[in-house]
Amino acid sequence: MRKILISGASRGIGKAIALKLLKDGHSLSLGVRKKESILNTPLDPKLNNPERIMVHNYNATDHKSSNSWVESTFKTFKKIDTIIHCAGIFKRTNLIFDNNEIGDIEDLWKVNVMGPWILTKDAWKYLSKSNSARIIVLVSMSGKRSKGNLASYSMSKFALMSLCQTMRNEGWEKGIRVTAICPGWVNTDMAKEINYFPKKDMIQAKDIANICSNLLDLPNRSVPFEIALNCQLETTI
């Protein structure tokens, strides 16, 4: 069974993945901005097996919290062989943005790109000790094509996809396998304002959780780098 870091595990996709992998028998270290968001939920260590689940404060914009989380996890589990990056934010910043939206663009860069980068860097020495480490990154279809006018969000996701490719290159000889999951609309809070497409026809968080579960069972020779998921037909990808 694996020793897994999961960022953004308090809700949405991250929470669904954590619940599925806990059921599978893995040991989980959950990085969340507010530890109280886990209290009295199925992911609360006090209500579960504290030897298999831990919760740590993690803020993707706080570099110190990343290192603290990694070191605390290694001290507890004595091993880290998997990271699942789910923490991310969404902003509707257009190409021709207002001057007061500069902060939104900077936040997208810090959380969606630098957050996964720094967390991976901090855990790299532990991942490298395993011959079959995994890094799974929730990217987005917006990291494969720019659709509409979401300039800043797509920019951050294209950069994240590039980062995934470099992780793959750097980790290959060490047995580290990277998978970028690129979903379209997922039925989470991020899509709650989407009214033109039925929620039941969107990708469900549990679908992605099942994919992650399957990825962790695959041997190094068969781990896909990219998984594109879409609930709408697109002919340009």
C-alpha atoms as a PDB file:
ATOM      1  CA  MET A   1       0.000   0.000   0.000  1.00  0.00           C
ATOM      2  CA  ARG A   2       1.147   3.525  -0.791  1.00  0.00           C
ATOM      3  CA  LYS A   3       1.993   6.535   1.387  1.00  0.00           C
ATOM      4  CA  ILE A   4       0.250   9.397  -0.365  1.00  0.00           C
ATOM      5  CA  LEU A   5       0.222  13.189  -0.133  1.00  0.00           C
ATOM      6  CA  ILE A   6      -3.049  14.710  -1.383  1.00  0.00           C
ATOM      7  CA  SER A   7      -3.418  18.479  -1.626  1.00  0.00           C
ATOM      8  CA  GLY A   8      -6.841  20.103  -1.723  1.00  0.00           C
ATOM      9  CA  ALA A   9      -8.381  17.094   0.011  1.00  0.00           C
ATOM     10  CA  SER A  10     -11.110  18.863   1.982  1.00  0.00           C
ATOM     11  CA  ARG A  11     -13.608  19.115  -0.864  1.00  0.00           C
ATOM     12  CA  GLY A  12     -14.434  18.336  -4.484  1.00  0.00           C
ATOM     13  CA  ILE A  13     -12.104  16.133  -6.489  1.00  0.00           C
ATOM     14  CA  GLY A  14      -9.455  15.933  -3.781  1.00  0.00           C
ATOM     15  CA  LYS A  15     -11.959  14.729  -1.203  1.00  0.00           C
ATOM     16  CA  ALA A  16     -13.399  12.115  -3.547  1.00  0.00           C
ATOM     17  CA  ILE A  17      -9.925  10.802  -4.324  1.00  0.00           C
ATOM     18  CA  ALA A  18      -9.011  10.647  -0.638  1.00  0.00           C
ATOM     19  CA  LEU A  19     -12.158   8.704   0.237  1.00  0.00           C
ATOM     20  CA  LYS A  20     -11.572   6.199  -2.548  1.00  0.00           C
ATOM     21  CA  LEU A  21      -7.882   5.655  -1.765  1.00  0.00           C
ATOM     22  CA  LEU A  22      -8.592   5.302   1.944  1.00  0.00           C
ATOM     23  CA  LYS A  23     -11.100   2.588   1.079  1.00  0.00           C
ATOM     24  CA  ASP A  24      -8.430   0.954  -1.088  1.00  0.00           C
ATOM     25  CA  GLY A  25      -6.186   0.639   1.966  1.00  0.00           C
ATOM     26  CA  HIS A  26      -3.565   3.321   1.287  1.00  0.00           C
ATOM     27  CA  SER A  27      -2.119   5.637   3.947  1.00  0.00           C
ATOM     28  CA  LEU A  28      -3.008   9.275   3.339  1.00  0.00           C
ATOM     29  CA  SER A  29      -1.532  12.597   4.363  1.00  0.00           C
ATOM     30  CA  LEU A  30      -4.059  15.313   3.587  1.00  0.00           C
ATOM     31  CA  GLY A  31      -2.909  18.877   3.003  1.00  0.00           C
ATOM     32  CA  VAL A  32      -5.704  21.375   3.688  1.00  0.00           C
ATOM     33  CA  ARG A  33      -5.869  25.098   4.360  1.00  0.00           C
ATOM     34  CA  LYS A  34      -8.107  24.626   7.402  1.00  0.00           C
ATOM     35  CA  LYS A  35      -7.782  21.435   9.410  1.00  0.00           C
ATOM     36  CA  GLU A  36     -11.229  21.986  10.919  1.00  0.00           C
ATOM     37  CA  SER A  37     -12.731  21.379   7.450  1.00  0.00           C
ATOM     38  CA  ILE A  38     -11.910  17.683   7.966  1.00  0.00           C
ATOM     39  CA  LEU A  39     -13.368  17.402  11.473  1.00  0.00           C
ATOM     40  CA  ASN A  40     -16.313  15.017  11.866  1.00  0.00           C
ATOM     41  CA  THR A  41     -16.057  13.831   8.269  1.00  0.00           C
ATOM     42  CA  PRO A  42     -15.086  10.353   7.018  1.00  0.00           C
ATOM     43  CA  LEU A  43     -11.549  11.749   6.584  1.00  0.00           C
ATOM     44  CA  ASP A  44     -11.191  12.777  10.226  1.00  0.00           C
ATOM     45  CA  PRO A  45      -8.349  10.658  11.705  1.00  0.00           C
ATOM     46  CA  LYS A  46     -10.167  10.554  15.032  1.00  0.00           C
ATOM     47  CA  LEU A  47     -13.094   8.808  13.352  1.00  0.00           C
ATOM     48  CA  ASN A  48     -10.890   6.555  11.274  1.00  0.00           C
ATOM     49  CA  ASN A  49      -7.586   4.733  11.632  1.00  0.00           C
ATOM     50  CA  PRO A  50      -5.077   7.370  12.833  1.00  0.00           C
ATOM     51  CA  GLU A  51      -2.232   5.143  11.686  1.00  0.00           C
ATOM     52  CA  ARG A  52      -3.419   5.425   8.080  1.00  0.00           C
ATOM     53  CA  ILE A  53      -4.558   9.007   7.831  1.00  0.00           C
ATOM     54  CA  MET A  54      -3.095  12.334   8.948  1.00  0.00           C
ATOM     55  CA  VAL A  55      -4.094  15.932   8.308  1.00  0.00           C
ATOM     56  CA  HIS A  56      -1.679  18.845   7.989  1.00  0.00           C
ATOM     57  CA  ASN A  57      -2.087  22.547   7.333  1.00  0.00           C
ATOM     58  CA  TYR A  58      -1.059  23.364   3.775  1.00  0.00           C
ATOM     59  CA  ASN A  59      -1.326  26.599   1.833  1.00  0.00           C
ATOM     60  CA  ALA A  60      -0.073  26.458  -1.747  1.00  0.00           C
ATOM     61  CA  THR A  61       1.117  30.066  -1.477  1.00  0.00           C
ATOM     62  CA  ASP A  62       3.137  29.384   1.684  1.00  0.00           C
ATOM     63  CA  HIS A  63       6.395  27.662   0.802  1.00  0.00           C
ATOM     64  CA  LYS A  64       7.190  26.836   4.420  1.00  0.00           C
ATOM     65  CA  SER A  65       3.924  24.946   4.848  1.00  0.00           C
ATOM     66  CA  SER A  66       4.872  22.688   1.950  1.00  0.00           C
ATOM     67  CA  ASN A  67       8.161  21.606   3.483  1.00  0.00           C
ATOM     68  CA  SER A  68       6.595  21.252   6.925  1.00  0.00           C
ATOM     69  CA  TRP A  69       3.867  19.012   5.517  1.00  0.00           C
ATOM     70  CA  VAL A  70       6.314  16.797   3.645  1.00  0.00           C
ATOM     71  CA  GLU A  71       8.674  16.359   6.596  1.00  0.00           C
ATOM     72  CA  SER A  72       5.831  15.698   9.024  1.00  0.00           C
ATOM     73  CA  THR A  73       4.422  13.072   6.661  1.00  0.00           C
ATOM     74  CA  PHE A  74       7.755  11.310   6.293  1.00  0.00           C
ATOM     75  CA  LYS A  75       8.253  11.333  10.055  1.00  0.00           C
ATOM     76  CA  THR A  76       4.831   9.705  10.498  1.00  0.00           C
ATOM     77  CA  PHE A  77       4.789   7.223   7.598  1.00  0.00           C
ATOM     78  CA  LYS A  78       8.569   6.689   7.149  1.00  0.00           C
ATOM     79  CA  LYS A  79       7.970   6.865   3.401  1.00  0.00           C
ATOM     80  CA  ILE A  80       6.386   9.001   0.664  1.00  0.00           C
ATOM     81  CA  ASP A  81       5.845   7.380  -2.727  1.00  0.00           C
ATOM     82  CA  THR A  82       2.917   9.301  -4.214  1.00  0.00           C
ATOM     83  CA  ILE A  83       1.708  12.883  -4.597  1.00  0.00           C
ATOM     84  CA  ILE A  84      -1.729  13.790  -5.912  1.00  0.00           C
ATOM     85  CA  HIS A  85      -2.005  17.503  -6.667  1.00  0.00           C
ATOM     86  CA  CYS A  86      -5.626  18.647  -6.390  1.00  0.00           C
ATOM     87  CA  ALA A  87      -5.283  22.124  -4.877  1.00  0.00           C
ATOM     88  CA  GLY A  88      -6.155  24.831  -7.392  1.00  0.00           C
ATOM     89  CA  ILE A  89      -8.163  27.993  -7.924  1.00  0.00           C
ATOM     90  CA  PHE A  90     -10.296  29.368 -10.739  1.00  0.00           C
ATOM     91  CA  LYS A  91     -10.515  32.997 -11.863  1.00  0.00           C
ATOM     92  CA  ARG A  92     -12.338  34.452 -14.859  1.00  0.00           C
ATOM     93  CA  THR A  93      -9.632  36.948 -15.800  1.00  0.00           C
ATOM     94  CA  ASN A  94      -9.855  37.913 -19.488  1.00  0.00           C
ATOM     95  CA  LEU A  95      -7.081  38.827 -21.897  1.00  0.00           C
ATOM     96  CA  ILE A  96      -7.964  42.532 -21.606  1.00  0.00           C
ATOM     97  CA  PHE A  97      -8.182  42.648 -17.830  1.00  0.00           C
ATOM     98  CA  ASP A  98      -8.831  45.505 -15.451  1.00  0.00           C
ATOM     99  CA  ASN A  99      -5.839  46.875 -13.574  1.00  0.00           C
ATOM    100  CA  ASN A 100      -7.304  45.685 -10.278  1.00  0.00           C
ATOM    101  CA  GLU A 101      -7.250  42.080 -11.551  1.00  0.00           C
ATOM    102  CA  ILE A 102      -3.450  41.800 -11.529  1.00  0.00           C
ATOM    103  CA  GLY A 103      -3.693  40.169  -8.116  1.00  0.00           C
ATOM    104  CA  ASP A 104      -6.010  37.475  -9.500  1.00  0.00           C
ATOM    105  CA  ILE A 105      -3.463  36.580 -12.174  1.00  0.00           C
ATOM    106  CA  GLU A 106      -0.676  36.409  -9.621  1.00  0.00           C
ATOM    107  CA  ASP A 107      -2.803  34.202  -7.346  1.00  0.00           C
ATOM    108  CA  LEU A 108      -3.469  31.768 -10.199  1.00  0.00           C
ATOM    109  CA  TRP A 109       0.238  31.505 -10.888  1.00  0.00           C
ATOM    110  CA  LYS A 110       1.148  31.002  -7.229  1.00  0.00           C
ATOM    111  CA  VAL A 111      -1.498  28.360  -6.505  1.00  0.00           C
ATOM    112  CA  ASN A 112      -1.894  26.494  -9.808  1.00  0.00           C
ATOM    113  CA  VAL A 113       1.757  26.422 -10.878  1.00  0.00           C
ATOM    114  CA  MET A 114       4.180  27.247  -8.087  1.00  0.00           C
ATOM    115  CA  GLY A 115       2.200  25.283  -5.488  1.00  0.00           C
ATOM    116  CA  PRO A 116       2.574  21.900  -7.248  1.00  0.00           C
ATOM    117  CA  TRP A 117       6.122  22.754  -8.287  1.00  0.00           C
ATOM    118  CA  ILE A 118       7.350  23.500  -4.774  1.00  0.00           C
ATOM    119  CA  LEU A 119       5.499  20.580  -3.172  1.00  0.00           C
ATOM    120  CA  THR A 120       7.001  18.196  -5.733  1.00  0.00           C
ATOM    121  CA  LYS A 121      10.463  19.659  -5.155  1.00  0.00           C
ATOM    122  CA  ASP A 122      10.146  19.247  -1.393  1.00  0.00           C
ATOM    123  CA  ALA A 123       9.069  15.607  -1.702  1.00  0.00           C
ATOM    124  CA  TRP A 124      11.413  14.656  -4.552  1.00  0.00           C
ATOM    125  CA  LYS A 125      14.133  13.109  -2.376  1.00  0.00           C
ATOM    126  CA  TYR A 126      11.563  10.713  -0.899  1.00  0.00           C
ATOM    127  CA  LEU A 127       9.866   9.924  -4.208  1.00  0.00           C
ATOM    128  CA  SER A 128      13.276   9.115  -5.672  1.00  0.00           C
ATOM    129  CA  LYS A 129      13.833   6.387  -3.082  1.00  0.00           C
ATOM    130  CA  SER A 130      10.902   4.398  -4.443  1.00  0.00           C
ATOM    131  CA  ASN A 131      11.264   2.548  -7.716  1.00  0.00           C
ATOM    132  CA  SER A 132       7.597   3.076  -8.519  1.00  0.00           C
ATOM    133  CA  ALA A 133       6.648   6.538  -7.257  1.00  0.00           C
ATOM    134  CA  ARG A 134       3.646   8.322  -8.712  1.00  0.00           C
ATOM    135  CA  ILE A 135       2.777  11.974  -9.264  1.00  0.00           C
ATOM    136  CA  ILE A 136      -0.801  12.630 -10.352  1.00  0.00           C
ATOM    137  CA  VAL A 137      -1.713  16.203 -11.265  1.00  0.00           C
ATOM    138  CA  LEU A 138      -5.216  17.546 -11.803  1.00  0.00           C
ATOM    139  CA  VAL A 139      -4.558  19.850 -14.725  1.00  0.00           C
ATOM    140  CA  SER A 140      -7.661  20.614 -16.845  1.00  0.00           C
ATOM    141  CA  MET A 141      -8.778  20.596 -20.436  1.00  0.00           C
ATOM    142  CA  SER A 142      -7.790  24.263 -20.171  1.00  0.00           C
ATOM    143  CA  GLY A 143      -4.195  23.036 -20.093  1.00  0.00           C
ATOM    144  CA  LYS A 144      -4.631  21.518 -23.555  1.00  0.00           C
ATOM    145  CA  ARG A 145      -6.551  24.234 -25.373  1.00  0.00           C
ATOM    146  CA  SER A 146      -7.690  27.774 -24.700  1.00  0.00           C
ATOM    147  CA  LYS A 147     -11.455  27.941 -25.049  1.00  0.00           C
ATOM    148  CA  GLY A 148     -13.372  31.190 -24.752  1.00  0.00           C
ATOM    149  CA  ASN A 149     -11.723  34.083 -22.960  1.00  0.00           C
ATOM    150  CA  LEU A 150     -10.314  32.570 -19.746  1.00  0.00           C
ATOM    151  CA  ALA A 151      -6.828  33.902 -20.421  1.00  0.00           C
ATOM    152  CA  SER A 152      -5.267  33.705 -16.964  1.00  0.00           C
ATOM    153  CA  TYR A 153      -6.728  30.336 -15.953  1.00  0.00           C
ATOM    154  CA  SER A 154      -5.660  28.707 -19.223  1.00  0.00           C
ATOM    155  CA  MET A 155      -2.229  30.307 -18.905  1.00  0.00           C
ATOM    156  CA  SER A 156      -1.731  28.709 -15.502  1.00  0.00           C
ATOM    157  CA  LYS A 157      -2.925  25.305 -16.674  1.00  0.00           C
ATOM    158  CA  PHE A 158      -0.760  25.314 -19.820  1.00  0.00           C
ATOM    159  CA  ALA A 159       2.207  26.086 -17.566  1.00  0.00           C
ATOM    160  CA  LEU A 160       1.189  23.275 -15.217  1.00  0.00           C
ATOM    161  CA  MET A 161       1.055  20.836 -18.126  1.00  0.00           C
ATOM    162  CA  SER A 162       4.572  21.880 -19.121  1.00  0.00           C
ATOM    163  CA  LEU A 163       5.684  21.309 -15.538  1.00  0.00           C
ATOM    164  CA  CYS A 164       4.185  17.808 -15.645  1.00  0.00           C
ATOM    165  CA  GLN A 165       6.225  17.013 -18.737  1.00  0.00           C
ATOM    166  CA  THR A 166       9.421  18.115 -17.016  1.00  0.00           C
ATOM    167  CA  MET A 167       8.574  16.110 -13.899  1.00  0.00           C
ATOM    168  CA  ARG A 168       8.184  13.083 -16.146  1.00  0.00           C
ATOM    169  CA  ASN A 169      11.524  13.720 -17.849  1.00  0.00           C
ATOM    170  CA  GLU A 170      13.404  14.262 -14.586  1.00  0.00           C
ATOM    171  CA  GLY A 171      11.849  11.346 -12.756  1.00  0.00           C
ATOM    172  CA  TRP A 172      11.809   8.654 -15.433  1.00  0.00           C
ATOM    173  CA  GLU A 173      15.115   6.966 -14.585  1.00  0.00           C
ATOM    174  CA  LYS A 174      14.203   7.075 -10.886  1.00  0.00           C
ATOM    175  CA  GLY A 175      10.994   5.145 -11.515  1.00  0.00           C
ATOM    176  CA  ILE A 176       8.776   8.189 -10.946  1.00  0.00           C
ATOM    177  CA  ARG A 177       5.749   8.122 -13.238  1.00  0.00           C
ATOM    178  CA  VAL A 178       3.654  11.230 -13.830  1.00  0.00           C
ATOM    179  CA  THR A 179       0.062  11.453 -15.005  1.00  0.00           C
ATOM    180  CA  ALA A 180      -1.675  14.705 -15.946  1.00  0.00           C
ATOM    181  CA  ILE A 181      -5.449  14.320 -15.669  1.00  0.00           C
ATOM    182  CA  CYS A 182      -7.230  16.846 -17.873  1.00  0.00           C
ATOM    183  CA  PRO A 183     -10.975  16.952 -17.226  1.00  0.00           C
ATOM    184  CA  GLY A 184     -13.561  19.245 -18.746  1.00  0.00           C
ATOM    185  CA  TRP A 185     -16.476  20.325 -16.568  1.00  0.00           C
ATOM    186  CA  VAL A 186     -16.551  18.448 -13.259  1.00  0.00           C
ATOM    187  CA  ASN A 187     -19.579  18.595 -10.995  1.00  0.00           C
ATOM    188  CA  THR A 188     -17.939  20.477  -8.116  1.00  0.00           C
ATOM    189  CA  ASP A 189     -18.231  23.927  -6.564  1.00  0.00           C
ATOM    190  CA  MET A 190     -16.042  25.315  -9.341  1.00  0.00           C
ATOM    191  CA  ALA A 191     -18.802  24.539 -11.855  1.00  0.00           C
ATOM    192  CA  LYS A 192     -21.749  25.545  -9.686  1.00  0.00           C
ATOM    193  CA  GLU A 193     -22.470  28.641 -11.795  1.00  0.00           C
ATOM    194  CA  ILE A 194     -22.594  26.679 -15.051  1.00  0.00           C
ATOM    195  CA  ASN A 195     -26.277  26.514 -15.935  1.00  0.00           C
ATOM    196  CA  TYR A 196     -26.217  25.643 -19.627  1.00  0.00           C
ATOM    197  CA  PHE A 197     -24.932  22.105 -19.062  1.00  0.00           C
ATOM    198  CA  PRO A 198     -26.706  19.614 -16.747  1.00  0.00           C
ATOM    199  CA  LYS A 199     -24.758  18.696 -13.622  1.00  0.00           C
ATOM    200  CA  LYS A 200     -25.672  15.033 -14.058  1.00  0.00           C
ATOM    201  CA  ASP A 201     -23.964  15.018 -17.458  1.00  0.00           C
ATOM    202  CA  MET A 202     -20.751  16.552 -16.125  1.00  0.00           C
ATOM    203  CA  ILE A 203     -17.790  14.433 -15.075  1.00  0.00           C
ATOM    204  CA  GLN A 204     -18.289  13.385 -11.468  1.00  0.00           C
ATOM    205  CA  ALA A 205     -15.557  13.656  -8.858  1.00  0.00           C
ATOM    206  CA  LYS A 206     -15.886   9.942  -8.089  1.00  0.00           C
ATOM    207  CA  ASP A 207     -15.051   9.176 -11.745  1.00  0.00           C
ATOM    208  CA  ILE A 208     -11.684  10.850 -11.333  1.00  0.00           C
ATOM    209  CA  ALA A 209     -11.194   9.119  -7.983  1.00  0.00           C
ATOM    210  CA  ASN A 210     -11.663   5.739  -9.677  1.00  0.00           C
ATOM    211  CA  ILE A 211      -9.137   6.676 -12.350  1.00  0.00           C
ATOM    212  CA  CYS A 212      -6.572   7.596  -9.679  1.00  0.00           C
ATOM    213  CA  SER A 213      -7.197   4.301  -7.922  1.00  0.00           C
ATOM    214  CA  ASN A 214      -6.532   2.413 -11.138  1.00  0.00           C
ATOM    215  CA  LEU A 215      -3.397   4.434 -11.905  1.00  0.00           C
ATOM    216  CA  LEU A 216      -1.843   3.422  -8.599  1.00  0.00           C
ATOM    217  CA  ASP A 217      -2.301  -0.259  -9.474  1.00  0.00           C
ATOM    218  CA  LEU A 218      -0.555  -0.042 -12.839  1.00  0.00           C
ATOM    219  CA  PRO A 219       3.081  -1.121 -13.268  1.00  0.00           C
ATOM    220  CA  ASN A 220       5.667   1.466 -14.334  1.00  0.00           C
ATOM    221  CA  ARG A 221       5.621   0.173 -17.881  1.00  0.00           C
ATOM    222  CA  SER A 222       1.944   1.013 -18.378  1.00  0.00           C
ATOM    223  CA  VAL A 223       1.319   4.344 -16.645  1.00  0.00           C
ATOM    224  CA  PRO A 224      -0.214   6.889 -19.063  1.00  0.00           C
ATOM    225  CA  PHE A 225       1.218  10.392 -19.008  1.00  0.00           C
ATOM    226  CA  GLU A 226      -1.984  12.166 -19.967  1.00  0.00           C
ATOM    227  CA  ILE A 227      -5.653  11.331 -19.470  1.00  0.00           C
ATOM    228  CA  ALA A 228      -8.095  13.698 -21.173  1.00  0.00           C
ATOM    229  CA  LEU A 229     -11.704  13.536 -20.039  1.00  0.00           C
ATOM    230  CA  ASN A 230     -14.565  15.458 -21.540  1.00  0.00           C
ATOM    231  CA  CYS A 231     -18.313  15.411 -21.160  1.00  0.00           C
ATOM    232  CA  GLN A 232     -18.779  17.462 -24.334  1.00  0.00           C
ATOM    233  CA  LEU A 233     -17.670  16.728 -27.874  1.00  0.00           C
ATOM    234  CA  GLU A 234     -14.720  18.856 -28.949  1.00  0.00           C
ATOM    235  CA  THR A 235     -13.173  18.471 -32.358  1.00  0.00           C
ATOM    236  CA  THR A 236     -10.097  20.650 -31.860  1.00  0.00           C
ATOM    237  CA  ILE A 237      -8.122  18.393 -29.505  1.00  0.00           C
END
